[in-house]
């Protein structure tokens, strides 16, 4: 079985939302090299630009989760479970 055939089989087992995410990732990966962000250049990017990019990615990622998904609540619960209350 070829690598492409293996990939197609794996894609068939993904949910619709995960396939959309994969397609988005593939589109970004297939951009011409000059349009892709080079990680080695990130040290030259001002912190504010990086924070804006991270916030944009966070907002975009929200569409891949159910509307009732509350990452802040999950974070707080995990921190409480791991470290206990700090109040």
C-alpha atoms as a PDB file:
ATOM      1  CA  UNK A   1       0.000   0.000   0.000  1.00  0.00           C
ATOM      2  CA  UNK A   2       1.381   3.406  -0.951  1.00  0.00           C
ATOM      3  CA  UNK A   3       1.781   6.282   1.479  1.00  0.00           C
ATOM      4  CA  UNK A   4      -1.011   8.164  -0.282  1.00  0.00           C
ATOM      5  CA  UNK A   5      -3.359   5.196   0.120  1.00  0.00           C
ATOM      6  CA  UNK A   6      -2.511   5.001   3.808  1.00  0.00           C
ATOM      7  CA  UNK A   7      -3.236   8.720   4.159  1.00  0.00           C
ATOM      8  CA  UNK A   8      -6.618   8.333   2.447  1.00  0.00           C
ATOM      9  CA  UNK A   9      -7.551   5.471   4.776  1.00  0.00           C
ATOM     10  CA  UNK A  10      -6.594   7.568   7.800  1.00  0.00           C
ATOM     11  CA  UNK A  11      -8.609  10.536   6.514  1.00  0.00           C
ATOM     12  CA  UNK A  12     -11.702   8.335   6.139  1.00  0.00           C
ATOM     13  CA  UNK A  13     -11.570   7.596   9.873  1.00  0.00           C
ATOM     14  CA  UNK A  14     -11.452  11.296  10.879  1.00  0.00           C
ATOM     15  CA  UNK A  15     -14.448  13.371  11.909  1.00  0.00           C
ATOM     16  CA  UNK A  16     -15.700  16.071   9.551  1.00  0.00           C
ATOM     17  CA  UNK A  17     -14.232  18.814  11.751  1.00  0.00           C
ATOM     18  CA  UNK A  18     -10.838  17.118  11.874  1.00  0.00           C
ATOM     19  CA  UNK A  19     -10.832  16.760   8.087  1.00  0.00           C
ATOM     20  CA  UNK A  20     -11.521  20.502   7.784  1.00  0.00           C
ATOM     21  CA  UNK A  21      -8.617  21.197  10.158  1.00  0.00           C
ATOM     22  CA  UNK A  22      -6.362  18.872   8.149  1.00  0.00           C
ATOM     23  CA  UNK A  23      -7.307  20.582   4.893  1.00  0.00           C
ATOM     24  CA  UNK A  24      -6.555  23.980   6.424  1.00  0.00           C
ATOM     25  CA  UNK A  25      -3.191  22.690   7.631  1.00  0.00           C
ATOM     26  CA  UNK A  26      -2.393  21.233   4.203  1.00  0.00           C
ATOM     27  CA  UNK A  27      -3.265  24.522   2.501  1.00  0.00           C
ATOM     28  CA  UNK A  28      -0.879  26.376   4.805  1.00  0.00           C
ATOM     29  CA  UNK A  29       1.813  23.738   4.310  1.00  0.00           C
ATOM     30  CA  UNK A  30       1.483  23.966   0.535  1.00  0.00           C
ATOM     31  CA  UNK A  31       1.933  27.745   0.407  1.00  0.00           C
ATOM     32  CA  UNK A  32       4.949  28.914  -1.536  1.00  0.00           C
ATOM     33  CA  UNK A  33       7.994  29.044   0.750  1.00  0.00           C
ATOM     34  CA  UNK A  34       8.095  32.848   0.700  1.00  0.00           C
ATOM     35  CA  UNK A  35       4.530  32.978   2.095  1.00  0.00           C
ATOM     36  CA  UNK A  36       5.216  30.558   4.980  1.00  0.00           C
ATOM     37  CA  UNK A  37       6.469  31.764   8.343  1.00  0.00           C
ATOM     38  CA  UNK A  38      10.047  30.590   8.883  1.00  0.00           C
ATOM     39  CA  UNK A  39      10.431  29.636  12.540  1.00  0.00           C
ATOM     40  CA  UNK A  40      14.109  30.582  12.462  1.00  0.00           C
ATOM     41  CA  UNK A  41      13.045  34.160  11.705  1.00  0.00           C
ATOM     42  CA  UNK A  42      10.702  34.393  14.683  1.00  0.00           C
ATOM     43  CA  UNK A  43      13.435  35.828  16.885  1.00  0.00           C
ATOM     44  CA  UNK A  44      13.368  38.931  14.670  1.00  0.00           C
ATOM     45  CA  UNK A  45       9.599  39.428  15.006  1.00  0.00           C
ATOM     46  CA  UNK A  46       8.474  41.881  17.687  1.00  0.00           C
ATOM     47  CA  UNK A  47       6.710  40.244  20.649  1.00  0.00           C
ATOM     48  CA  UNK A  48       3.502  42.134  19.933  1.00  0.00           C
ATOM     49  CA  UNK A  49       3.270  40.630  16.436  1.00  0.00           C
ATOM     50  CA  UNK A  50       3.737  37.138  17.890  1.00  0.00           C
ATOM     51  CA  UNK A  51       1.059  37.748  20.501  1.00  0.00           C
ATOM     52  CA  UNK A  52      -1.356  39.021  17.850  1.00  0.00           C
ATOM     53  CA  UNK A  53      -0.645  35.948  15.716  1.00  0.00           C
ATOM     54  CA  UNK A  54      -1.205  33.635  18.689  1.00  0.00           C
ATOM     55  CA  UNK A  55      -4.483  35.367  19.537  1.00  0.00           C
ATOM     56  CA  UNK A  56      -5.637  35.055  15.917  1.00  0.00           C
ATOM     57  CA  UNK A  57      -4.776  31.335  15.978  1.00  0.00           C
ATOM     58  CA  UNK A  58      -6.646  30.892  19.289  1.00  0.00           C
ATOM     59  CA  UNK A  59      -9.751  32.554  17.867  1.00  0.00           C
ATOM     60  CA  UNK A  60      -9.602  30.468  14.697  1.00  0.00           C
ATOM     61  CA  UNK A  61      -9.098  27.242  16.685  1.00  0.00           C
ATOM     62  CA  UNK A  62     -12.301  27.936  18.651  1.00  0.00           C
ATOM     63  CA  UNK A  63     -14.355  26.987  15.596  1.00  0.00           C
ATOM     64  CA  UNK A  64     -12.982  23.440  15.787  1.00  0.00           C
ATOM     65  CA  UNK A  65     -14.372  22.842  19.286  1.00  0.00           C
ATOM     66  CA  UNK A  66     -17.964  22.466  20.457  1.00  0.00           C
ATOM     67  CA  UNK A  67     -19.590  25.729  21.546  1.00  0.00           C
ATOM     68  CA  UNK A  68     -19.838  24.494  25.144  1.00  0.00           C
ATOM     69  CA  UNK A  69     -16.067  23.853  25.303  1.00  0.00           C
ATOM     70  CA  UNK A  70     -14.553  26.253  27.845  1.00  0.00           C
ATOM     71  CA  UNK A  71     -10.761  26.072  27.749  1.00  0.00           C
ATOM     72  CA  UNK A  72     -10.375  28.542  30.624  1.00  0.00           C
ATOM     73  CA  UNK A  73     -12.603  26.408  32.863  1.00  0.00           C
ATOM     74  CA  UNK A  74     -10.715  23.236  31.901  1.00  0.00           C
ATOM     75  CA  UNK A  75      -7.416  24.990  32.643  1.00  0.00           C
ATOM     76  CA  UNK A  76      -8.641  26.170  36.051  1.00  0.00           C
ATOM     77  CA  UNK A  77      -9.957  22.714  36.953  1.00  0.00           C
ATOM     78  CA  UNK A  78      -6.689  21.067  35.915  1.00  0.00           C
ATOM     79  CA  UNK A  79      -4.646  23.569  37.932  1.00  0.00           C
ATOM     80  CA  UNK A  80      -6.909  23.068  40.954  1.00  0.00           C
ATOM     81  CA  UNK A  81      -6.578  19.287  40.668  1.00  0.00           C
ATOM     82  CA  UNK A  82      -2.815  19.452  40.230  1.00  0.00           C
ATOM     83  CA  UNK A  83      -1.874  22.178  42.706  1.00  0.00           C
ATOM     84  CA  UNK A  84      -4.914  22.752  44.898  1.00  0.00           C
ATOM     85  CA  UNK A  85      -6.466  26.080  45.743  1.00  0.00           C
ATOM     86  CA  UNK A  86      -4.160  29.076  46.009  1.00  0.00           C
ATOM     87  CA  UNK A  87      -6.839  31.375  47.460  1.00  0.00           C
END
